[in-house]
Amino acid sequence: MTKAELVNEISKSTGIEKVTVLKAVEAFMDSVKNSLVSGNNVYLRGFGTFATKKRAKKTARNITKNTTIVVPEHYIPSFKPTAEFVAKVKANVKK
């Protein structure tokens, strides 16, 4: 599902104009990004947690040049769904 499809779905189910829904969705995404950048996690009860994970420094290989490089430690964003969310998806996903 794309952002446009998400906006359409929310607009249909709530009756709110698409422009207003789009602003709300973008504001939500900006809030999550800003919280993660500032080092704060975002907890949404019944949905999941947006958090940052620390990746340790490691040695990697550049196979095209046959050299080793050092990848410094860094943080990446992650999402961990709640157990009930995972269970619902497992039970109802259609292939």
N, C-alpha and C. Protein backbone atom coordinates (compact mmCIF):
# COMPACT_ATOMS: atom_id res chain seq x y z
N MET A 1 0.85 -1.17 0.00
CA MET A 1 0.00 0.00 0.00
C MET A 1 0.90 1.24 0.00
N THR A 2 0.61 2.16 -0.87
CA THR A 2 1.37 3.40 -0.94
C THR A 2 0.73 4.45 -0.03
N LYS A 3 1.44 5.57 0.14
CA LYS A 3 0.89 6.64 0.97
C LYS A 3 -0.42 7.16 0.38
N ALA A 4 -0.49 7.29 -0.94
CA ALA A 4 -1.72 7.77 -1.58
C ALA A 4 -2.87 6.81 -1.33
N GLU A 5 -2.62 5.50 -1.41
CA GLU A 5 -3.66 4.51 -1.14
C GLU A 5 -4.09 4.56 0.32
N LEU A 6 -3.13 4.77 1.22
CA LEU A 6 -3.46 4.89 2.63
C LEU A 6 -4.35 6.11 2.88
N VAL A 7 -4.00 7.23 2.26
CA VAL A 7 -4.80 8.45 2.40
C VAL A 7 -6.21 8.22 1.86
N ASN A 8 -6.33 7.58 0.71
CA ASN A 8 -7.65 7.28 0.15
C ASN A 8 -8.47 6.40 1.09
N GLU A 9 -7.85 5.38 1.64
CA GLU A 9 -8.55 4.45 2.55
C GLU A 9 -9.04 5.17 3.80
N ILE A 10 -8.19 5.99 4.40
CA ILE A 10 -8.59 6.73 5.60
C ILE A 10 -9.69 7.73 5.27
N SER A 11 -9.56 8.38 4.12
CA SER A 11 -10.56 9.36 3.70
C SER A 11 -11.93 8.71 3.50
N LYS A 12 -11.94 7.52 2.88
CA LYS A 12 -13.20 6.80 2.68
C LYS A 12 -13.83 6.38 4.00
N SER A 13 -13.01 5.85 4.91
CA SER A 13 -13.56 5.31 6.15
C SER A 13 -13.97 6.39 7.14
N THR A 14 -13.36 7.56 7.08
CA THR A 14 -13.69 8.61 8.05
C THR A 14 -14.55 9.72 7.48
N GLY A 15 -14.55 9.89 6.17
CA GLY A 15 -15.30 10.98 5.55
C GLY A 15 -14.57 12.31 5.58
N ILE A 16 -13.32 12.30 5.99
CA ILE A 16 -12.51 13.52 6.02
C ILE A 16 -11.88 13.73 4.65
N GLU A 17 -11.72 14.99 4.25
CA GLU A 17 -11.15 15.29 2.93
C GLU A 17 -9.73 14.73 2.81
N LYS A 18 -9.36 14.35 1.59
CA LYS A 18 -8.06 13.76 1.34
C LYS A 18 -6.91 14.70 1.69
N VAL A 19 -7.09 15.99 1.42
CA VAL A 19 -6.04 16.96 1.71
C VAL A 19 -5.75 17.01 3.21
N THR A 20 -6.78 16.97 4.01
CA THR A 20 -6.63 17.00 5.46
C THR A 20 -5.99 15.71 5.96
N VAL A 21 -6.40 14.59 5.42
CA VAL A 21 -5.83 13.30 5.80
C VAL A 21 -4.37 13.24 5.41
N LEU A 22 -4.03 13.74 4.22
CA LEU A 22 -2.64 13.75 3.77
C LEU A 22 -1.77 14.57 4.72
N LYS A 23 -2.25 15.73 5.14
CA LYS A 23 -1.50 16.56 6.08
C LYS A 23 -1.30 15.83 7.40
N ALA A 24 -2.33 15.13 7.87
CA ALA A 24 -2.23 14.38 9.13
C ALA A 24 -1.24 13.22 9.02
N VAL A 25 -1.28 12.49 7.91
CA VAL A 25 -0.36 11.37 7.71
C VAL A 25 1.08 11.87 7.63
N GLU A 26 1.30 12.95 6.89
CA GLU A 26 2.66 13.50 6.77
C GLU A 26 3.13 14.07 8.10
N ALA A 27 2.24 14.68 8.88
CA ALA A 27 2.61 15.19 10.20
C ALA A 27 2.98 14.04 11.13
N PHE A 28 2.25 12.92 11.04
CA PHE A 28 2.57 11.74 11.84
C PHE A 28 3.96 11.23 11.49
N MET A 29 4.24 11.09 10.20
CA MET A 29 5.54 10.58 9.78
C MET A 29 6.67 11.51 10.20
N ASP A 30 6.45 12.82 10.08
CA ASP A 30 7.46 13.79 10.51
C ASP A 30 7.70 13.70 12.02
N SER A 31 6.64 13.53 12.78
CA SER A 31 6.78 13.41 14.24
C SER A 31 7.58 12.17 14.62
N VAL A 32 7.30 11.05 13.95
CA VAL A 32 8.04 9.82 14.23
C VAL A 32 9.51 10.01 13.87
N LYS A 33 9.78 10.58 12.69
CA LYS A 33 11.17 10.80 12.27
C LYS A 33 11.90 11.70 13.25
N ASN A 34 11.27 12.81 13.63
CA ASN A 34 11.92 13.76 14.55
C ASN A 34 12.18 13.13 15.91
N SER A 35 11.26 12.31 16.39
CA SER A 35 11.46 11.63 17.67
C SER A 35 12.63 10.67 17.61
N LEU A 36 12.73 9.91 16.52
CA LEU A 36 13.83 8.96 16.39
C LEU A 36 15.17 9.67 16.24
N VAL A 37 15.19 10.77 15.49
CA VAL A 37 16.42 11.54 15.32
C VAL A 37 16.89 12.09 16.67
N SER A 38 15.97 12.50 17.50
CA SER A 38 16.34 13.06 18.81
C SER A 38 16.61 11.97 19.85
N GLY A 39 16.49 10.71 19.47
CA GLY A 39 16.82 9.61 20.38
C GLY A 39 15.65 9.07 21.18
N ASN A 40 14.44 9.50 20.87
CA ASN A 40 13.26 9.02 21.59
C ASN A 40 12.53 7.96 20.78
N ASN A 41 12.03 6.94 21.47
CA ASN A 41 11.23 5.91 20.82
C ASN A 41 9.77 6.35 20.77
N VAL A 42 9.02 5.77 19.82
CA VAL A 42 7.59 6.06 19.70
C VAL A 42 6.84 4.76 19.95
N TYR A 43 6.00 4.76 20.99
CA TYR A 43 5.23 3.58 21.38
C TYR A 43 3.77 3.78 21.03
N LEU A 44 3.22 2.90 20.19
CA LEU A 44 1.82 2.96 19.82
C LEU A 44 1.15 1.68 20.32
N ARG A 45 0.41 1.80 21.40
CA ARG A 45 -0.22 0.64 22.04
C ARG A 45 -1.12 -0.10 21.05
N GLY A 46 -0.94 -1.39 20.95
CA GLY A 46 -1.74 -2.21 20.05
C GLY A 46 -1.20 -2.26 18.63
N PHE A 47 -0.17 -1.47 18.34
CA PHE A 47 0.39 -1.43 16.98
C PHE A 47 1.86 -1.83 16.99
N GLY A 48 2.69 -1.07 17.70
CA GLY A 48 4.10 -1.41 17.74
C GLY A 48 4.96 -0.26 18.22
N THR A 49 6.27 -0.45 18.11
CA THR A 49 7.24 0.52 18.58
C THR A 49 8.19 0.90 17.46
N PHE A 50 8.35 2.20 17.26
CA PHE A 50 9.38 2.71 16.37
C PHE A 50 10.56 3.07 17.27
N ALA A 51 11.73 2.53 16.96
CA ALA A 51 12.90 2.74 17.81
C ALA A 51 14.15 2.83 16.94
N THR A 52 15.26 3.18 17.59
CA THR A 52 16.54 3.15 16.88
C THR A 52 17.36 2.00 17.45
N LYS A 53 18.10 1.35 16.58
CA LYS A 53 18.98 0.25 16.98
C LYS A 53 20.42 0.64 16.67
N LYS A 54 21.30 0.30 17.58
CA LYS A 54 22.72 0.59 17.40
C LYS A 54 23.39 -0.57 16.68
N ARG A 55 24.07 -0.26 15.62
CA ARG A 55 24.86 -1.25 14.90
C ARG A 55 26.33 -1.05 15.28
N ALA A 56 26.98 -2.08 15.71
CA ALA A 56 28.36 -2.00 16.15
C ALA A 56 29.31 -1.82 14.97
N LYS A 57 30.50 -1.34 15.26
CA LYS A 57 31.54 -1.21 14.24
C LYS A 57 31.90 -2.60 13.73
N LYS A 58 32.12 -2.72 12.42
CA LYS A 58 32.47 -4.03 11.87
C LYS A 58 33.39 -3.87 10.67
N THR A 59 34.03 -4.95 10.31
CA THR A 59 34.87 -5.00 9.13
C THR A 59 34.08 -5.67 8.02
N ALA A 60 34.10 -5.04 6.85
CA ALA A 60 33.36 -5.57 5.72
C ALA A 60 34.29 -5.70 4.52
N ARG A 61 33.83 -6.36 3.49
CA ARG A 61 34.64 -6.56 2.29
C ARG A 61 34.00 -5.87 1.10
N ASN A 62 34.83 -5.20 0.32
CA ASN A 62 34.41 -4.68 -0.97
C ASN A 62 34.91 -5.69 -2.00
N ILE A 63 34.01 -6.56 -2.47
CA ILE A 63 34.44 -7.67 -3.31
C ILE A 63 34.86 -7.23 -4.71
N THR A 64 34.39 -6.08 -5.17
CA THR A 64 34.80 -5.62 -6.50
C THR A 64 36.25 -5.16 -6.52
N LYS A 65 36.72 -4.54 -5.42
CA LYS A 65 38.10 -4.06 -5.34
C LYS A 65 38.97 -4.98 -4.50
N ASN A 66 38.38 -6.02 -3.92
CA ASN A 66 39.08 -6.98 -3.07
C ASN A 66 39.81 -6.28 -1.93
N THR A 67 39.10 -5.40 -1.23
CA THR A 67 39.67 -4.69 -0.09
C THR A 67 38.73 -4.82 1.10
N THR A 68 39.29 -4.55 2.27
CA THR A 68 38.46 -4.53 3.47
C THR A 68 38.21 -3.07 3.86
N ILE A 69 37.04 -2.84 4.40
CA ILE A 69 36.69 -1.51 4.88
C ILE A 69 36.11 -1.65 6.28
N VAL A 70 36.20 -0.58 7.04
CA VAL A 70 35.63 -0.56 8.38
C VAL A 70 34.35 0.26 8.34
N VAL A 71 33.27 -0.37 8.74
CA VAL A 71 31.98 0.32 8.82
C VAL A 71 31.84 0.80 10.27
N PRO A 72 31.78 2.11 10.49
CA PRO A 72 31.71 2.61 11.87
C PRO A 72 30.36 2.28 12.51
N GLU A 73 30.33 2.38 13.85
CA GLU A 73 29.05 2.14 14.52
C GLU A 73 28.07 3.22 14.12
N HIS A 74 26.80 2.83 14.00
CA HIS A 74 25.77 3.77 13.57
C HIS A 74 24.42 3.29 14.08
N TYR A 75 23.44 4.16 13.96
CA TYR A 75 22.08 3.85 14.40
C TYR A 75 21.16 3.75 13.19
N ILE A 76 20.21 2.81 13.26
CA ILE A 76 19.24 2.64 12.19
C ILE A 76 17.84 2.63 12.79
N PRO A 77 16.84 3.11 12.05
CA PRO A 77 15.48 3.04 12.56
C PRO A 77 14.94 1.62 12.44
N SER A 78 14.07 1.24 13.37
CA SER A 78 13.46 -0.09 13.31
C SER A 78 12.02 0.00 13.80
N PHE A 79 11.26 -1.02 13.46
CA PHE A 79 9.87 -1.13 13.91
C PHE A 79 9.66 -2.52 14.47
N LYS A 80 9.08 -2.60 15.66
CA LYS A 80 8.74 -3.89 16.26
C LYS A 80 7.24 -3.91 16.53
N PRO A 81 6.50 -4.75 15.81
CA PRO A 81 5.05 -4.83 16.02
C PRO A 81 4.73 -5.53 17.34
N THR A 82 3.54 -5.24 17.88
CA THR A 82 3.10 -5.91 19.10
C THR A 82 2.77 -7.36 18.80
N ALA A 83 2.73 -8.17 19.84
CA ALA A 83 2.44 -9.60 19.68
C ALA A 83 1.06 -9.83 19.09
N GLU A 84 0.07 -9.04 19.52
CA GLU A 84 -1.29 -9.23 18.98
C GLU A 84 -1.36 -8.84 17.50
N PHE A 85 -0.59 -7.83 17.10
CA PHE A 85 -0.52 -7.42 15.69
C PHE A 85 0.08 -8.54 14.85
N VAL A 86 1.17 -9.12 15.33
CA VAL A 86 1.83 -10.23 14.63
C VAL A 86 0.89 -11.42 14.52
N ALA A 87 0.20 -11.75 15.60
CA ALA A 87 -0.72 -12.88 15.59
C ALA A 87 -1.86 -12.67 14.60
N LYS A 88 -2.38 -11.46 14.54
CA LYS A 88 -3.48 -11.16 13.61
C LYS A 88 -3.02 -11.29 12.17
N VAL A 89 -1.82 -10.82 11.88
CA VAL A 89 -1.29 -10.93 10.52
C VAL A 89 -1.05 -12.39 10.15
N LYS A 90 -0.47 -13.15 11.07
CA LYS A 90 -0.22 -14.58 10.81
C LYS A 90 -1.51 -15.33 10.53
N ALA A 91 -2.55 -15.00 11.25
CA ALA A 91 -3.81 -15.73 11.12
C ALA A 91 -4.61 -15.33 9.88
N ASN A 92 -4.42 -14.11 9.39
CA ASN A 92 -5.31 -13.61 8.35
C ASN A 92 -4.65 -13.22 7.04
N VAL A 93 -3.34 -13.39 6.91
CA VAL A 93 -2.68 -12.98 5.66
C VAL A 93 -3.12 -13.87 4.51
N LYS A 94 -3.34 -13.25 3.36
CA LYS A 94 -3.76 -13.99 2.16
C LYS A 94 -2.64 -13.93 1.14
N LYS A 95 -2.26 -15.09 0.63
CA LYS A 95 -1.18 -15.15 -0.35
C LYS A 95 -1.71 -15.15 -1.74
